[in-house]
N, C-alpha and C. Protein backbone atom coordinates (compact mmCIF):
# COMPACT_ATOMS: atom_id res chain seq x y z
N MET A 1 -39.11 -10.63 61.40
CA MET A 1 -39.71 -9.32 61.66
C MET A 1 -38.58 -8.30 61.69
N THR A 2 -38.80 -7.17 61.03
CA THR A 2 -37.75 -6.15 60.98
C THR A 2 -37.62 -5.44 62.32
N ASN A 3 -36.47 -4.82 62.54
CA ASN A 3 -36.25 -4.06 63.77
C ASN A 3 -37.20 -2.89 63.86
N GLU A 4 -37.57 -2.30 62.73
CA GLU A 4 -38.50 -1.18 62.74
C GLU A 4 -39.86 -1.61 63.29
N VAL A 5 -40.34 -2.76 62.85
CA VAL A 5 -41.62 -3.28 63.34
C VAL A 5 -41.51 -3.59 64.83
N LYS A 6 -40.42 -4.22 65.24
CA LYS A 6 -40.21 -4.53 66.66
C LYS A 6 -40.23 -3.26 67.50
N ASN A 7 -39.57 -2.22 67.00
CA ASN A 7 -39.51 -0.97 67.77
C ASN A 7 -40.88 -0.31 67.89
N VAL A 8 -41.69 -0.39 66.85
CA VAL A 8 -43.06 0.16 66.93
C VAL A 8 -43.85 -0.61 67.98
N LEU A 9 -43.74 -1.93 67.99
CA LEU A 9 -44.45 -2.74 68.99
C LEU A 9 -43.94 -2.45 70.39
N ARG A 10 -42.65 -2.29 70.55
CA ARG A 10 -42.08 -1.98 71.87
C ARG A 10 -42.58 -0.63 72.37
N GLU A 11 -42.56 0.36 71.48
CA GLU A 11 -43.03 1.70 71.86
C GLU A 11 -44.52 1.67 72.21
N SER A 12 -45.30 0.91 71.46
CA SER A 12 -46.73 0.79 71.74
C SER A 12 -46.97 0.14 73.09
N ALA A 13 -46.19 -0.87 73.41
CA ALA A 13 -46.33 -1.55 74.70
C ALA A 13 -45.99 -0.60 75.84
N MET A 14 -44.91 0.17 75.69
CA MET A 14 -44.53 1.14 76.73
C MET A 14 -45.64 2.19 76.90
N SER A 15 -46.16 2.69 75.80
CA SER A 15 -47.23 3.69 75.86
C SER A 15 -48.48 3.13 76.52
N LEU A 16 -48.81 1.89 76.21
CA LEU A 16 -49.99 1.26 76.80
C LEU A 16 -49.83 1.13 78.31
N VAL A 17 -48.67 0.68 78.78
CA VAL A 17 -48.43 0.57 80.22
C VAL A 17 -48.54 1.95 80.88
N GLU A 18 -48.00 2.94 80.23
CA GLU A 18 -48.07 4.30 80.77
C GLU A 18 -49.53 4.75 80.93
N ILE A 19 -50.34 4.54 79.91
CA ILE A 19 -51.75 4.92 79.97
C ILE A 19 -52.49 4.12 81.03
N MET A 20 -52.20 2.82 81.12
CA MET A 20 -52.86 1.97 82.13
C MET A 20 -52.56 2.51 83.53
N LEU A 21 -51.32 2.92 83.77
CA LEU A 21 -50.97 3.48 85.08
C LEU A 21 -51.68 4.82 85.31
N LEU A 22 -51.68 5.67 84.29
CA LEU A 22 -52.32 6.97 84.43
C LEU A 22 -53.82 6.84 84.66
N GLU A 23 -54.43 5.85 84.02
CA GLU A 23 -55.87 5.62 84.15
C GLU A 23 -56.20 4.78 85.38
N ASN A 24 -55.16 4.33 86.10
CA ASN A 24 -55.34 3.49 87.29
C ASN A 24 -56.13 2.22 86.93
N GLU A 25 -55.80 1.65 85.79
CA GLU A 25 -56.49 0.48 85.25
C GLU A 25 -55.63 -0.77 85.50
N PRO A 26 -56.13 -1.74 86.28
CA PRO A 26 -55.37 -2.96 86.55
C PRO A 26 -55.06 -3.73 85.25
N PHE A 27 -53.89 -4.36 85.21
CA PHE A 27 -53.48 -5.12 84.04
C PHE A 27 -52.44 -6.16 84.44
N ARG A 28 -52.19 -7.07 83.53
CA ARG A 28 -51.15 -8.08 83.70
C ARG A 28 -50.07 -7.77 82.68
N ILE A 29 -48.81 -7.90 83.09
CA ILE A 29 -47.70 -7.65 82.19
C ILE A 29 -46.75 -8.85 82.24
N VAL A 30 -46.27 -9.24 81.07
CA VAL A 30 -45.29 -10.32 80.97
C VAL A 30 -43.99 -9.68 80.51
N LEU A 31 -42.93 -9.90 81.28
CA LEU A 31 -41.62 -9.29 81.01
C LEU A 31 -40.56 -10.36 80.82
N TRP A 32 -39.53 -10.02 80.07
CA TRP A 32 -38.34 -10.85 80.08
C TRP A 32 -37.75 -10.75 81.48
N ASN A 33 -37.42 -11.86 82.09
CA ASN A 33 -36.87 -11.83 83.45
C ASN A 33 -35.38 -11.55 83.38
N ASN A 34 -35.05 -10.26 83.38
CA ASN A 34 -33.66 -9.83 83.33
C ASN A 34 -33.08 -9.64 84.73
N ASP A 35 -33.89 -9.91 85.76
CA ASP A 35 -33.47 -9.73 87.16
C ASP A 35 -32.81 -8.36 87.35
N ASN A 36 -33.49 -7.32 86.87
CA ASN A 36 -32.95 -5.97 86.94
C ASN A 36 -33.81 -5.08 87.85
N TRP A 37 -34.07 -5.59 89.03
CA TRP A 37 -34.83 -4.86 90.04
C TRP A 37 -33.87 -4.16 90.98
N ASN A 38 -34.39 -3.43 91.96
CA ASN A 38 -33.54 -2.71 92.90
C ASN A 38 -32.76 -3.67 93.81
N ALA A 39 -33.17 -4.91 93.85
CA ALA A 39 -32.48 -5.95 94.63
C ALA A 39 -32.64 -7.27 93.88
N PRO A 40 -31.74 -8.21 94.10
CA PRO A 40 -31.89 -9.51 93.43
C PRO A 40 -33.22 -10.15 93.80
N LEU A 41 -33.88 -10.72 92.80
CA LEU A 41 -35.16 -11.39 93.05
C LEU A 41 -34.94 -12.62 93.91
N PRO A 42 -35.96 -13.00 94.68
CA PRO A 42 -35.84 -14.21 95.50
C PRO A 42 -35.55 -15.44 94.62
N LYS A 43 -34.79 -16.35 95.16
CA LYS A 43 -34.40 -17.56 94.44
C LYS A 43 -35.63 -18.31 93.91
N ARG A 44 -36.70 -18.34 94.70
CA ARG A 44 -37.93 -19.01 94.29
C ARG A 44 -38.49 -18.41 93.01
N ILE A 45 -38.46 -17.10 92.90
CA ILE A 45 -38.97 -16.42 91.70
C ILE A 45 -38.07 -16.72 90.51
N LEU A 46 -36.77 -16.64 90.70
CA LEU A 46 -35.84 -16.92 89.61
C LEU A 46 -35.96 -18.35 89.11
N GLU A 47 -36.19 -19.28 90.02
CA GLU A 47 -36.33 -20.68 89.62
C GLU A 47 -37.68 -20.94 88.95
N SER A 48 -38.73 -20.31 89.45
CA SER A 48 -40.07 -20.50 88.88
C SER A 48 -40.26 -19.78 87.55
N PHE A 49 -39.58 -18.66 87.39
CA PHE A 49 -39.73 -17.84 86.19
C PHE A 49 -38.34 -17.48 85.63
N PRO A 50 -37.59 -18.46 85.14
CA PRO A 50 -36.22 -18.17 84.71
C PRO A 50 -36.13 -17.28 83.46
N THR A 51 -37.14 -17.32 82.59
CA THR A 51 -37.07 -16.58 81.34
C THR A 51 -38.04 -15.40 81.31
N GLN A 52 -39.29 -15.66 81.67
CA GLN A 52 -40.33 -14.64 81.63
C GLN A 52 -40.99 -14.51 82.99
N LEU A 53 -41.36 -13.30 83.33
CA LEU A 53 -41.98 -13.00 84.62
C LEU A 53 -43.36 -12.41 84.35
N VAL A 54 -44.38 -12.95 85.02
CA VAL A 54 -45.75 -12.47 84.87
C VAL A 54 -46.12 -11.69 86.14
N LEU A 55 -46.54 -10.44 85.95
CA LEU A 55 -46.91 -9.60 87.08
C LEU A 55 -48.34 -9.09 86.90
N ASP A 56 -49.13 -9.17 87.95
CA ASP A 56 -50.44 -8.53 87.96
C ASP A 56 -50.25 -7.16 88.60
N ILE A 57 -50.50 -6.12 87.84
CA ILE A 57 -50.39 -4.75 88.34
C ILE A 57 -51.80 -4.33 88.75
N LYS A 58 -52.07 -4.53 90.02
CA LYS A 58 -53.39 -4.22 90.58
C LYS A 58 -53.20 -3.88 92.05
N ASP A 59 -54.24 -3.43 92.68
CA ASP A 59 -54.24 -3.12 94.11
C ASP A 59 -53.00 -2.29 94.47
N GLN A 60 -52.19 -2.76 95.42
CA GLN A 60 -51.04 -1.98 95.90
C GLN A 60 -50.00 -1.76 94.81
N ALA A 61 -49.76 -2.77 93.96
CA ALA A 61 -48.78 -2.61 92.87
C ALA A 61 -49.22 -1.50 91.91
N LEU A 62 -50.51 -1.41 91.65
CA LEU A 62 -51.02 -0.36 90.78
C LEU A 62 -50.92 1.00 91.46
N ASP A 63 -51.22 1.04 92.74
CA ASP A 63 -51.13 2.31 93.47
C ASP A 63 -49.69 2.81 93.59
N ASP A 64 -48.73 1.88 93.75
CA ASP A 64 -47.34 2.25 93.98
C ASP A 64 -46.54 2.50 92.70
N SER A 65 -46.94 1.89 91.59
CA SER A 65 -46.23 2.08 90.32
C SER A 65 -46.60 3.44 89.74
N TYR A 66 -45.67 4.05 89.00
CA TYR A 66 -45.90 5.41 88.52
C TYR A 66 -44.98 5.76 87.36
N ILE A 67 -45.21 6.92 86.78
CA ILE A 67 -44.34 7.49 85.77
C ILE A 67 -43.57 8.62 86.44
N ASP A 68 -42.26 8.54 86.41
CA ASP A 68 -41.43 9.55 87.04
C ASP A 68 -41.58 10.86 86.26
N PRO A 69 -42.08 11.92 86.91
CA PRO A 69 -42.32 13.18 86.19
C PRO A 69 -41.03 13.83 85.70
N ALA A 70 -39.91 13.56 86.33
CA ALA A 70 -38.66 14.19 85.92
C ALA A 70 -38.04 13.51 84.70
N THR A 71 -38.19 12.20 84.59
CA THR A 71 -37.53 11.45 83.52
C THR A 71 -38.48 10.83 82.51
N GLY A 72 -39.76 10.67 82.89
CA GLY A 72 -40.71 9.98 82.04
C GLY A 72 -40.61 8.48 82.11
N GLU A 73 -39.73 7.96 82.95
CA GLU A 73 -39.55 6.52 83.08
C GLU A 73 -40.72 5.89 83.83
N ILE A 74 -41.06 4.68 83.43
CA ILE A 74 -42.12 3.93 84.08
C ILE A 74 -41.49 3.13 85.21
N ILE A 75 -41.99 3.34 86.42
CA ILE A 75 -41.46 2.66 87.61
C ILE A 75 -42.50 1.64 88.06
N ILE A 76 -42.09 0.38 88.11
CA ILE A 76 -42.96 -0.71 88.56
C ILE A 76 -42.56 -1.07 89.98
N CYS A 77 -43.53 -1.08 90.88
CA CYS A 77 -43.31 -1.43 92.28
C CYS A 77 -44.21 -2.62 92.62
N THR A 78 -43.63 -3.65 93.19
CA THR A 78 -44.41 -4.83 93.57
C THR A 78 -43.76 -5.51 94.76
N VAL A 79 -44.37 -6.58 95.21
CA VAL A 79 -43.86 -7.31 96.38
C VAL A 79 -43.67 -8.77 96.01
N PHE A 80 -42.51 -9.30 96.37
CA PHE A 80 -42.23 -10.73 96.25
C PHE A 80 -41.83 -11.22 97.63
N ASP A 81 -42.46 -12.26 98.10
CA ASP A 81 -42.13 -12.87 99.40
C ASP A 81 -42.07 -11.83 100.53
N GLY A 82 -43.00 -10.88 100.51
CA GLY A 82 -43.10 -9.90 101.58
C GLY A 82 -42.15 -8.72 101.48
N ALA A 83 -41.30 -8.68 100.47
CA ALA A 83 -40.35 -7.57 100.31
C ALA A 83 -40.70 -6.76 99.07
N GLU A 84 -40.56 -5.43 99.17
CA GLU A 84 -40.87 -4.56 98.05
C GLU A 84 -39.72 -4.56 97.04
N TYR A 85 -40.09 -4.63 95.76
CA TYR A 85 -39.13 -4.58 94.66
C TYR A 85 -39.55 -3.48 93.70
N ILE A 86 -38.56 -2.76 93.20
CA ILE A 86 -38.81 -1.62 92.32
C ILE A 86 -37.91 -1.77 91.09
N LYS A 87 -38.46 -1.43 89.93
CA LYS A 87 -37.66 -1.47 88.70
C LYS A 87 -38.11 -0.38 87.75
N VAL A 88 -37.18 0.06 86.93
CA VAL A 88 -37.49 0.94 85.82
C VAL A 88 -37.81 0.02 84.64
N LEU A 89 -39.00 0.17 84.10
CA LEU A 89 -39.40 -0.65 82.96
C LEU A 89 -38.54 -0.27 81.77
N GLU A 90 -37.89 -1.26 81.18
CA GLU A 90 -36.97 -0.99 80.09
C GLU A 90 -37.61 -1.23 78.73
N TYR A 91 -37.19 -0.44 77.79
CA TYR A 91 -37.61 -0.57 76.41
C TYR A 91 -37.20 -1.95 75.91
N GLY A 92 -38.10 -2.67 75.32
CA GLY A 92 -37.79 -3.99 74.79
C GLY A 92 -37.98 -5.10 75.80
N GLU A 93 -38.40 -4.80 77.00
CA GLU A 93 -38.55 -5.78 78.06
C GLU A 93 -39.95 -6.40 78.10
N ILE A 94 -40.92 -5.72 77.51
CA ILE A 94 -42.31 -6.16 77.59
C ILE A 94 -42.59 -7.21 76.52
N ILE A 95 -43.08 -8.36 76.97
CA ILE A 95 -43.49 -9.42 76.06
C ILE A 95 -44.98 -9.27 75.75
N ALA A 96 -45.78 -8.94 76.78
CA ALA A 96 -47.22 -8.81 76.58
C ALA A 96 -47.82 -7.92 77.65
N VAL A 97 -48.91 -7.26 77.27
CA VAL A 97 -49.76 -6.54 78.21
C VAL A 97 -51.14 -7.14 78.02
N LEU A 98 -51.73 -7.60 79.13
CA LEU A 98 -53.00 -8.33 79.09
C LEU A 98 -53.96 -7.78 80.13
N SER A 99 -55.23 -8.12 79.97
CA SER A 99 -56.19 -7.85 81.04
C SER A 99 -55.89 -8.84 82.17
N LEU A 100 -56.46 -8.61 83.33
CA LEU A 100 -56.21 -9.52 84.46
C LEU A 100 -56.74 -10.93 84.19
N ASP A 101 -57.73 -11.05 83.29
CA ASP A 101 -58.23 -12.39 82.97
C ASP A 101 -57.52 -13.00 81.76
N GLY A 102 -56.43 -12.37 81.34
CA GLY A 102 -55.58 -12.96 80.30
C GLY A 102 -55.88 -12.57 78.87
N GLN A 103 -56.83 -11.66 78.66
CA GLN A 103 -57.13 -11.22 77.30
C GLN A 103 -56.01 -10.28 76.83
N PRO A 104 -55.43 -10.54 75.66
CA PRO A 104 -54.28 -9.73 75.22
C PRO A 104 -54.67 -8.33 74.76
N TYR A 105 -53.89 -7.35 75.20
CA TYR A 105 -53.98 -6.00 74.68
C TYR A 105 -52.91 -5.80 73.62
N ILE A 106 -51.69 -6.26 73.93
CA ILE A 106 -50.59 -6.19 72.97
C ILE A 106 -49.62 -7.33 73.26
N LEU A 107 -49.14 -7.95 72.19
CA LEU A 107 -48.20 -9.06 72.31
C LEU A 107 -46.96 -8.75 71.48
N ASN A 108 -45.81 -8.91 72.08
CA ASN A 108 -44.54 -8.80 71.37
C ASN A 108 -43.94 -10.20 71.38
N ASP A 109 -44.42 -11.04 70.49
CA ASP A 109 -44.06 -12.46 70.53
C ASP A 109 -42.79 -12.78 69.74
N PHE A 110 -41.79 -11.92 69.87
CA PHE A 110 -40.50 -12.18 69.25
C PHE A 110 -39.45 -12.31 70.35
N ALA A 111 -38.36 -12.98 70.02
CA ALA A 111 -37.31 -13.23 71.01
C ALA A 111 -36.66 -11.92 71.43
N GLN A 112 -36.21 -11.90 72.66
CA GLN A 112 -35.50 -10.72 73.17
C GLN A 112 -34.17 -10.58 72.45
N ASP A 113 -33.83 -9.36 72.08
CA ASP A 113 -32.57 -9.11 71.41
C ASP A 113 -31.46 -9.15 72.44
N LYS A 114 -30.63 -10.16 72.38
CA LYS A 114 -29.51 -10.28 73.32
C LYS A 114 -28.27 -9.60 72.76
N GLU A 115 -28.00 -9.79 71.47
CA GLU A 115 -26.78 -9.27 70.87
C GLU A 115 -26.93 -7.81 70.43
N GLU A 116 -28.13 -7.47 70.01
CA GLU A 116 -28.38 -6.13 69.49
C GLU A 116 -28.56 -5.15 70.63
N GLU A 117 -27.97 -3.99 70.50
CA GLU A 117 -28.14 -2.92 71.49
C GLU A 117 -29.56 -2.38 71.36
N VAL A 118 -30.37 -2.51 72.41
CA VAL A 118 -31.75 -2.01 72.38
C VAL A 118 -31.76 -0.66 73.06
N LEU A 119 -32.30 0.32 72.37
CA LEU A 119 -32.37 1.66 72.93
C LEU A 119 -33.35 1.69 74.09
N THR A 120 -33.06 2.49 75.09
CA THR A 120 -34.02 2.66 76.16
C THR A 120 -35.14 3.56 75.66
N ALA A 121 -36.26 3.53 76.34
CA ALA A 121 -37.40 4.35 75.93
C ALA A 121 -37.00 5.82 75.92
N LYS A 122 -36.19 6.23 76.87
CA LYS A 122 -35.78 7.63 76.94
C LYS A 122 -34.94 8.01 75.72
N GLU A 123 -34.04 7.13 75.27
CA GLU A 123 -33.21 7.42 74.11
C GLU A 123 -34.03 7.41 72.82
N GLU A 124 -35.03 6.54 72.75
CA GLU A 124 -35.81 6.36 71.54
C GLU A 124 -36.77 7.52 71.28
N ARG A 125 -37.30 8.09 72.34
CA ARG A 125 -38.33 9.13 72.20
C ARG A 125 -37.72 10.47 71.84
N VAL A 126 -38.42 11.19 70.99
CA VAL A 126 -38.04 12.55 70.68
C VAL A 126 -38.55 13.41 71.82
N VAL A 127 -37.68 14.22 72.38
CA VAL A 127 -38.06 15.02 73.53
C VAL A 127 -38.71 16.31 73.05
N TYR A 128 -39.93 16.53 73.48
CA TYR A 128 -40.67 17.75 73.17
C TYR A 128 -41.33 18.22 74.45
N GLU A 129 -41.19 19.47 74.77
CA GLU A 129 -41.74 20.02 75.99
C GLU A 129 -43.00 20.83 75.68
N PRO A 130 -44.19 20.26 75.96
CA PRO A 130 -45.42 21.03 75.75
C PRO A 130 -45.45 22.25 76.67
N GLN A 131 -46.11 23.30 76.20
CA GLN A 131 -46.13 24.56 76.93
C GLN A 131 -47.41 24.80 77.72
N SER A 132 -48.43 23.96 77.50
CA SER A 132 -49.70 24.15 78.22
C SER A 132 -50.40 22.79 78.38
N VAL A 133 -51.37 22.77 79.27
CA VAL A 133 -52.16 21.55 79.47
C VAL A 133 -52.92 21.22 78.19
N ASP A 134 -53.46 22.24 77.52
CA ASP A 134 -54.18 22.00 76.27
C ASP A 134 -53.28 21.37 75.21
N GLU A 135 -52.05 21.83 75.14
CA GLU A 135 -51.10 21.26 74.18
C GLU A 135 -50.78 19.80 74.54
N LEU A 136 -50.66 19.54 75.83
CA LEU A 136 -50.41 18.18 76.29
C LEU A 136 -51.60 17.26 75.95
N VAL A 137 -52.81 17.74 76.14
CA VAL A 137 -54.01 16.98 75.78
C VAL A 137 -54.01 16.69 74.28
N GLU A 138 -53.64 17.67 73.47
CA GLU A 138 -53.59 17.48 72.01
C GLU A 138 -52.58 16.41 71.63
N ILE A 139 -51.43 16.41 72.29
CA ILE A 139 -50.39 15.42 71.99
C ILE A 139 -50.91 14.02 72.32
N VAL A 140 -51.49 13.87 73.50
CA VAL A 140 -51.99 12.55 73.91
C VAL A 140 -53.13 12.11 73.00
N SER A 141 -54.05 13.00 72.68
CA SER A 141 -55.19 12.63 71.84
C SER A 141 -54.76 12.35 70.41
N SER A 142 -53.64 12.89 69.97
CA SER A 142 -53.16 12.61 68.60
C SER A 142 -52.69 11.16 68.47
N GLU A 143 -52.50 10.49 69.59
CA GLU A 143 -52.11 9.08 69.59
C GLU A 143 -53.33 8.15 69.62
N GLY A 144 -54.53 8.73 69.48
CA GLY A 144 -55.73 7.91 69.39
C GLY A 144 -56.54 7.83 70.67
N ILE A 145 -56.10 8.50 71.72
CA ILE A 145 -56.84 8.52 72.99
C ILE A 145 -57.91 9.61 72.88
N PRO A 146 -59.17 9.30 73.24
CA PRO A 146 -60.20 10.33 73.21
C PRO A 146 -59.80 11.54 74.06
N LYS A 147 -60.11 12.74 73.58
CA LYS A 147 -59.70 13.96 74.28
C LYS A 147 -60.17 14.00 75.72
N GLU A 148 -61.41 13.57 75.96
CA GLU A 148 -61.93 13.59 77.33
C GLU A 148 -61.13 12.67 78.24
N SER A 149 -60.75 11.50 77.74
CA SER A 149 -59.95 10.56 78.52
C SER A 149 -58.55 11.12 78.75
N ALA A 150 -57.98 11.72 77.72
CA ALA A 150 -56.65 12.32 77.85
C ALA A 150 -56.67 13.43 78.90
N LYS A 151 -57.69 14.28 78.84
CA LYS A 151 -57.81 15.38 79.81
C LYS A 151 -57.96 14.84 81.23
N LYS A 152 -58.79 13.81 81.38
CA LYS A 152 -59.00 13.21 82.70
C LYS A 152 -57.68 12.64 83.25
N SER A 153 -56.95 11.93 82.42
CA SER A 153 -55.68 11.34 82.85
C SER A 153 -54.66 12.41 83.22
N ILE A 154 -54.57 13.43 82.39
CA ILE A 154 -53.61 14.51 82.66
C ILE A 154 -53.99 15.27 83.92
N ASP A 155 -55.27 15.54 84.11
CA ASP A 155 -55.73 16.22 85.32
C ASP A 155 -55.37 15.40 86.56
N CYS A 156 -55.60 14.09 86.49
CA CYS A 156 -55.27 13.21 87.62
C CYS A 156 -53.77 13.21 87.87
N PHE A 157 -53.00 13.11 86.80
CA PHE A 157 -51.54 13.09 86.92
C PHE A 157 -51.04 14.40 87.53
N MET A 158 -51.59 15.52 87.08
CA MET A 158 -51.16 16.82 87.60
C MET A 158 -51.57 17.00 89.06
N LYS A 159 -52.74 16.49 89.41
CA LYS A 159 -53.23 16.59 90.79
C LYS A 159 -52.24 15.95 91.76
N ASN A 160 -51.62 14.85 91.32
CA ASN A 160 -50.72 14.10 92.18
C ASN A 160 -49.25 14.43 91.99
N ASN A 161 -48.95 15.43 91.15
CA ASN A 161 -47.57 15.81 90.89
C ASN A 161 -47.43 17.33 90.98
N PRO A 162 -47.12 17.86 92.17
CA PRO A 162 -47.05 19.31 92.36
C PRO A 162 -46.07 20.02 91.42
N GLU A 163 -44.93 19.38 91.11
CA GLU A 163 -43.96 20.01 90.21
C GLU A 163 -44.56 20.23 88.83
N LEU A 164 -45.26 19.23 88.34
CA LEU A 164 -45.89 19.33 87.02
C LEU A 164 -47.01 20.38 87.04
N ARG A 165 -47.78 20.38 88.12
CA ARG A 165 -48.88 21.35 88.26
C ARG A 165 -48.33 22.77 88.22
N GLU A 166 -47.23 23.00 88.92
CA GLU A 166 -46.61 24.34 88.95
C GLU A 166 -46.12 24.74 87.56
N ARG A 167 -45.58 23.79 86.83
CA ARG A 167 -45.02 24.07 85.51
C ARG A 167 -46.07 24.56 84.53
N PHE A 168 -47.29 24.04 84.65
CA PHE A 168 -48.34 24.39 83.70
C PHE A 168 -49.30 25.46 84.21
N GLN A 169 -49.00 26.08 85.30
CA GLN A 169 -49.89 27.16 85.81
C GLN A 169 -49.38 28.51 85.44
């Protein structure tokens, strides 16, 4: 598989996770276990999941995970062994995004690039600053999301992000 195809799949996976969080839709995500959380993962987790880590993003994990309005980074928050763990979701880290019952939404079934420098999502994306909520809705809907759903997600996101709300008023 070419790097171009891999990058399209990686970008699609990142976009899907972003929409799932914005829509407050529970999902399961499979990640390469790079142990790149805010603290080292418990030994039990590292031993049980040495290569890939499966996370159900639902309930508290879904409520606590978010998209950073300042950077656009996806922040995943979850609990292992009673302790909270936080990570910035990295470009190229997603193996699969599934429903909670295991139905696949997107699969990146290729090996993780160890030798190749993988761009972060922030580096890969072209930065464009929309000037209005309507323009933002148009951008989101141009990616195939129905306009009504895009508007609902953006309204919800703005409701919970005062800085963003101020910017578009």
